[in-house]
Amino acid sequence: MPQGWRNRTLTDLRKGRCKILVATDVAARGIDVPTITHVINYDLPKQAEDYVHRIGRTGRAGRTGIAITFAEVNEYVKVHKIENTLTANCPN
């Protein structure tokens, strides 16, 4: 996506004209929209630290947020590493 298009999309998101944004991990470290309330992860990142950056888009500036992550049974080790990184248990 060209940079100009990305900028317009983020402006639309910030102003509430865009309600849903589908993004890659590149956006996990670059989007700062305080009103994001939910992050849905379709897949697990390769590194647990990247998960923290992904879910860090929600619940900013003292707000609460919800992160939902889809994982397969064979990804148990990755989920466990994420739980250890977060120092919290993830609900099943």
N, C-alpha and C. Protein backbone atom coordinates (compact mmCIF):
# COMPACT_ATOMS: atom_id res chain seq x y z
N MET A 1 0.85 -1.17 0.00
CA MET A 1 0.00 0.00 0.00
C MET A 1 0.90 1.24 0.00
N PRO A 2 0.68 2.17 -0.90
CA PRO A 2 1.49 3.39 -0.94
C PRO A 2 1.36 4.20 0.36
N GLN A 3 2.42 4.91 0.72
CA GLN A 3 2.45 5.66 1.97
C GLN A 3 1.29 6.65 2.09
N GLY A 4 0.96 7.35 1.02
CA GLY A 4 -0.15 8.30 1.07
C GLY A 4 -1.47 7.64 1.43
N TRP A 5 -1.69 6.47 0.88
CA TRP A 5 -2.90 5.71 1.16
C TRP A 5 -2.92 5.29 2.63
N ARG A 6 -1.76 4.81 3.13
CA ARG A 6 -1.66 4.43 4.55
C ARG A 6 -1.98 5.62 5.45
N ASN A 7 -1.42 6.77 5.13
CA ASN A 7 -1.66 7.96 5.94
C ASN A 7 -3.14 8.34 5.97
N ARG A 8 -3.79 8.30 4.81
CA ARG A 8 -5.22 8.62 4.75
C ARG A 8 -6.04 7.60 5.54
N THR A 9 -5.66 6.34 5.45
CA THR A 9 -6.38 5.29 6.18
C THR A 9 -6.26 5.51 7.68
N LEU A 10 -5.06 5.83 8.16
CA LEU A 10 -4.88 6.09 9.59
C LEU A 10 -5.64 7.33 10.04
N THR A 11 -5.67 8.34 9.21
CA THR A 11 -6.45 9.55 9.53
C THR A 11 -7.93 9.18 9.65
N ASP A 12 -8.43 8.38 8.72
CA ASP A 12 -9.82 7.93 8.77
C ASP A 12 -10.09 7.12 10.04
N LEU A 13 -9.15 6.27 10.43
CA LEU A 13 -9.29 5.48 11.65
C LEU A 13 -9.34 6.39 12.88
N ARG A 14 -8.44 7.34 12.96
CA ARG A 14 -8.39 8.26 14.09
C ARG A 14 -9.66 9.11 14.20
N LYS A 15 -10.23 9.48 13.07
CA LYS A 15 -11.43 10.33 13.06
C LYS A 15 -12.73 9.53 13.13
N GLY A 16 -12.63 8.21 13.21
CA GLY A 16 -13.82 7.38 13.33
C GLY A 16 -14.53 7.08 12.03
N ARG A 17 -13.95 7.48 10.91
CA ARG A 17 -14.56 7.19 9.61
C ARG A 17 -14.27 5.77 9.16
N CYS A 18 -13.29 5.15 9.77
CA CYS A 18 -12.90 3.76 9.50
C CYS A 18 -13.03 3.01 10.82
N LYS A 19 -13.81 1.96 10.87
CA LYS A 19 -14.06 1.24 12.11
C LYS A 19 -13.18 0.01 12.28
N ILE A 20 -12.70 -0.56 11.18
CA ILE A 20 -11.90 -1.78 11.23
C ILE A 20 -10.66 -1.59 10.37
N LEU A 21 -9.52 -2.00 10.90
CA LEU A 21 -8.28 -1.94 10.14
C LEU A 21 -7.63 -3.31 10.18
N VAL A 22 -7.32 -3.86 9.03
CA VAL A 22 -6.59 -5.11 8.93
C VAL A 22 -5.15 -4.74 8.63
N ALA A 23 -4.22 -5.23 9.45
CA ALA A 23 -2.83 -4.79 9.32
C ALA A 23 -1.86 -5.95 9.54
N THR A 24 -0.62 -5.73 9.11
CA THR A 24 0.45 -6.70 9.32
C THR A 24 1.25 -6.29 10.56
N ASP A 25 2.28 -7.07 10.88
CA ASP A 25 3.12 -6.75 12.03
C ASP A 25 3.85 -5.42 11.89
N VAL A 26 4.00 -4.93 10.68
CA VAL A 26 4.63 -3.63 10.49
C VAL A 26 3.85 -2.57 11.26
N ALA A 27 2.54 -2.69 11.27
CA ALA A 27 1.70 -1.71 11.97
C ALA A 27 1.76 -1.87 13.48
N ALA A 28 2.18 -3.02 13.96
CA ALA A 28 2.20 -3.26 15.40
C ALA A 28 3.10 -2.28 16.14
N ARG A 29 4.07 -1.73 15.47
CA ARG A 29 4.98 -0.79 16.10
C ARG A 29 4.80 0.64 15.61
N GLY A 30 3.83 0.85 14.74
CA GLY A 30 3.73 2.17 14.15
C GLY A 30 2.40 2.87 14.30
N ILE A 31 1.38 2.18 14.77
CA ILE A 31 0.07 2.80 14.87
C ILE A 31 -0.13 3.33 16.28
N ASP A 32 -0.50 4.59 16.38
CA ASP A 32 -0.83 5.18 17.67
C ASP A 32 -2.21 5.83 17.55
N VAL A 33 -3.22 5.04 17.85
CA VAL A 33 -4.60 5.51 17.81
C VAL A 33 -5.21 5.18 19.18
N PRO A 34 -5.31 6.17 20.06
CA PRO A 34 -5.74 5.92 21.44
C PRO A 34 -7.12 5.28 21.58
N THR A 35 -7.96 5.39 20.57
CA THR A 35 -9.32 4.87 20.69
C THR A 35 -9.47 3.42 20.24
N ILE A 36 -8.39 2.75 19.90
CA ILE A 36 -8.49 1.33 19.53
C ILE A 36 -8.88 0.54 20.77
N THR A 37 -9.97 -0.22 20.67
CA THR A 37 -10.48 -0.97 21.83
C THR A 37 -10.23 -2.46 21.72
N HIS A 38 -10.04 -2.97 20.51
CA HIS A 38 -9.87 -4.40 20.31
C HIS A 38 -8.74 -4.67 19.32
N VAL A 39 -7.99 -5.72 19.59
CA VAL A 39 -7.00 -6.24 18.65
C VAL A 39 -7.31 -7.73 18.50
N ILE A 40 -7.49 -8.17 17.28
CA ILE A 40 -7.76 -9.58 17.01
C ILE A 40 -6.59 -10.13 16.20
N ASN A 41 -5.92 -11.12 16.76
CA ASN A 41 -4.78 -11.76 16.11
C ASN A 41 -5.26 -13.02 15.42
N TYR A 42 -5.16 -13.03 14.11
CA TYR A 42 -5.55 -14.20 13.33
C TYR A 42 -4.54 -15.32 13.50
N ASP A 43 -3.29 -14.96 13.71
CA ASP A 43 -2.24 -15.95 13.92
C ASP A 43 -1.28 -15.44 14.98
N LEU A 44 -0.45 -16.34 15.47
CA LEU A 44 0.55 -15.96 16.48
C LEU A 44 1.80 -15.44 15.80
N PRO A 45 2.43 -14.45 16.40
CA PRO A 45 3.70 -13.97 15.85
C PRO A 45 4.81 -14.99 16.12
N LYS A 46 5.92 -14.83 15.43
CA LYS A 46 7.05 -15.75 15.63
C LYS A 46 7.68 -15.57 17.01
N GLN A 47 7.71 -14.34 17.51
CA GLN A 47 8.33 -14.04 18.80
C GLN A 47 7.27 -13.52 19.78
N ALA A 48 7.40 -13.94 21.05
CA ALA A 48 6.46 -13.50 22.08
C ALA A 48 6.48 -11.98 22.24
N GLU A 49 7.64 -11.37 22.10
CA GLU A 49 7.76 -9.91 22.23
C GLU A 49 6.92 -9.19 21.17
N ASP A 50 6.82 -9.78 19.98
CA ASP A 50 6.01 -9.18 18.93
C ASP A 50 4.53 -9.19 19.30
N TYR A 51 4.11 -10.20 20.07
CA TYR A 51 2.72 -10.24 20.54
C TYR A 51 2.43 -9.04 21.43
N VAL A 52 3.37 -8.72 22.29
CA VAL A 52 3.21 -7.57 23.19
C VAL A 52 3.03 -6.29 22.37
N HIS A 53 3.80 -6.14 21.31
CA HIS A 53 3.66 -4.96 20.46
C HIS A 53 2.30 -4.95 19.75
N ARG A 54 1.84 -6.11 19.34
CA ARG A 54 0.54 -6.19 18.67
C ARG A 54 -0.59 -5.74 19.61
N ILE A 55 -0.64 -6.35 20.78
CA ILE A 55 -1.75 -6.03 21.68
C ILE A 55 -1.58 -4.67 22.34
N GLY A 56 -0.38 -4.12 22.25
CA GLY A 56 -0.14 -2.79 22.81
C GLY A 56 -0.85 -1.68 22.06
N ARG A 57 -1.48 -2.00 20.95
CA ARG A 57 -2.26 -0.99 20.21
C ARG A 57 -3.56 -0.68 20.91
N THR A 58 -4.00 -1.55 21.82
CA THR A 58 -5.25 -1.35 22.54
C THR A 58 -4.97 -1.06 24.01
N GLY A 59 -5.90 -0.41 24.65
CA GLY A 59 -5.75 -0.11 26.07
C GLY A 59 -4.64 0.87 26.36
N ARG A 60 -4.49 1.85 25.52
CA ARG A 60 -3.42 2.84 25.69
C ARG A 60 -3.87 3.98 26.59
N ALA A 61 -2.91 4.64 27.19
CA ALA A 61 -3.15 5.84 28.01
C ALA A 61 -4.15 5.55 29.14
N GLY A 62 -3.97 4.41 29.80
CA GLY A 62 -4.81 4.07 30.94
C GLY A 62 -6.16 3.48 30.59
N ARG A 63 -6.46 3.34 29.32
CA ARG A 63 -7.72 2.73 28.91
C ARG A 63 -7.61 1.21 28.94
N THR A 64 -8.75 0.55 29.05
CA THR A 64 -8.75 -0.90 28.96
C THR A 64 -8.94 -1.31 27.51
N GLY A 65 -8.53 -2.52 27.21
CA GLY A 65 -8.66 -3.02 25.86
C GLY A 65 -8.81 -4.53 25.87
N ILE A 66 -9.20 -5.07 24.76
CA ILE A 66 -9.40 -6.51 24.62
C ILE A 66 -8.55 -7.02 23.47
N ALA A 67 -7.81 -8.10 23.73
CA ALA A 67 -7.03 -8.76 22.69
C ALA A 67 -7.53 -10.20 22.57
N ILE A 68 -7.88 -10.58 21.37
CA ILE A 68 -8.34 -11.93 21.08
C ILE A 68 -7.35 -12.55 20.10
N THR A 69 -6.92 -13.77 20.41
CA THR A 69 -5.93 -14.43 19.56
C THR A 69 -6.40 -15.83 19.22
N PHE A 70 -6.36 -16.14 17.95
CA PHE A 70 -6.66 -17.49 17.49
C PHE A 70 -5.36 -18.28 17.48
N ALA A 71 -5.40 -19.50 18.05
CA ALA A 71 -4.22 -20.36 18.06
C ALA A 71 -4.67 -21.81 17.88
N GLU A 72 -3.82 -22.58 17.26
CA GLU A 72 -4.10 -24.00 17.07
C GLU A 72 -3.46 -24.79 18.20
N VAL A 73 -3.95 -25.99 18.42
CA VAL A 73 -3.45 -26.84 19.49
C VAL A 73 -1.94 -27.05 19.38
N ASN A 74 -1.44 -27.20 18.16
CA ASN A 74 0.00 -27.45 17.98
C ASN A 74 0.85 -26.20 18.24
N GLU A 75 0.23 -25.08 18.57
CA GLU A 75 0.97 -23.85 18.89
C GLU A 75 1.09 -23.62 20.40
N TYR A 76 0.86 -24.68 21.17
CA TYR A 76 0.88 -24.57 22.63
C TYR A 76 2.17 -23.94 23.14
N VAL A 77 3.31 -24.34 22.59
CA VAL A 77 4.59 -23.81 23.06
C VAL A 77 4.65 -22.30 22.87
N LYS A 78 4.20 -21.81 21.72
CA LYS A 78 4.19 -20.36 21.47
C LYS A 78 3.27 -19.65 22.47
N VAL A 79 2.09 -20.23 22.71
CA VAL A 79 1.15 -19.62 23.66
C VAL A 79 1.78 -19.56 25.05
N HIS A 80 2.44 -20.62 25.44
CA HIS A 80 3.09 -20.66 26.76
C HIS A 80 4.18 -19.58 26.86
N LYS A 81 4.96 -19.39 25.81
CA LYS A 81 5.98 -18.34 25.81
C LYS A 81 5.35 -16.95 25.93
N ILE A 82 4.24 -16.76 25.26
CA ILE A 82 3.53 -15.48 25.35
C ILE A 82 3.02 -15.26 26.77
N GLU A 83 2.44 -16.30 27.37
CA GLU A 83 1.96 -16.18 28.75
C GLU A 83 3.10 -15.81 29.69
N ASN A 84 4.25 -16.43 29.51
CA ASN A 84 5.40 -16.12 30.36
C ASN A 84 5.87 -14.68 30.15
N THR A 85 5.83 -14.21 28.91
CA THR A 85 6.23 -12.84 28.62
C THR A 85 5.26 -11.86 29.27
N LEU A 86 3.98 -12.19 29.25
CA LEU A 86 2.96 -11.31 29.82
C LEU A 86 2.85 -11.47 31.33
N THR A 87 3.44 -12.49 31.88
CA THR A 87 3.28 -12.88 33.29
C THR A 87 1.81 -12.96 33.67
N ALA A 88 1.03 -13.53 32.76
CA ALA A 88 -0.40 -13.72 33.01
C ALA A 88 -0.87 -14.96 32.26
N ASN A 89 -1.91 -15.56 32.77
CA ASN A 89 -2.50 -16.70 32.08
C ASN A 89 -3.53 -16.22 31.09
N CYS A 90 -3.51 -16.81 29.92
CA CYS A 90 -4.49 -16.47 28.90
C CYS A 90 -5.68 -17.41 29.06
N PRO A 91 -6.89 -16.89 29.02
CA PRO A 91 -8.06 -17.78 29.12
C PRO A 91 -8.14 -18.69 27.91
N ASN A 92 -8.68 -19.87 28.12
CA ASN A 92 -8.83 -20.84 27.02
C ASN A 92 -9.98 -20.48 26.14
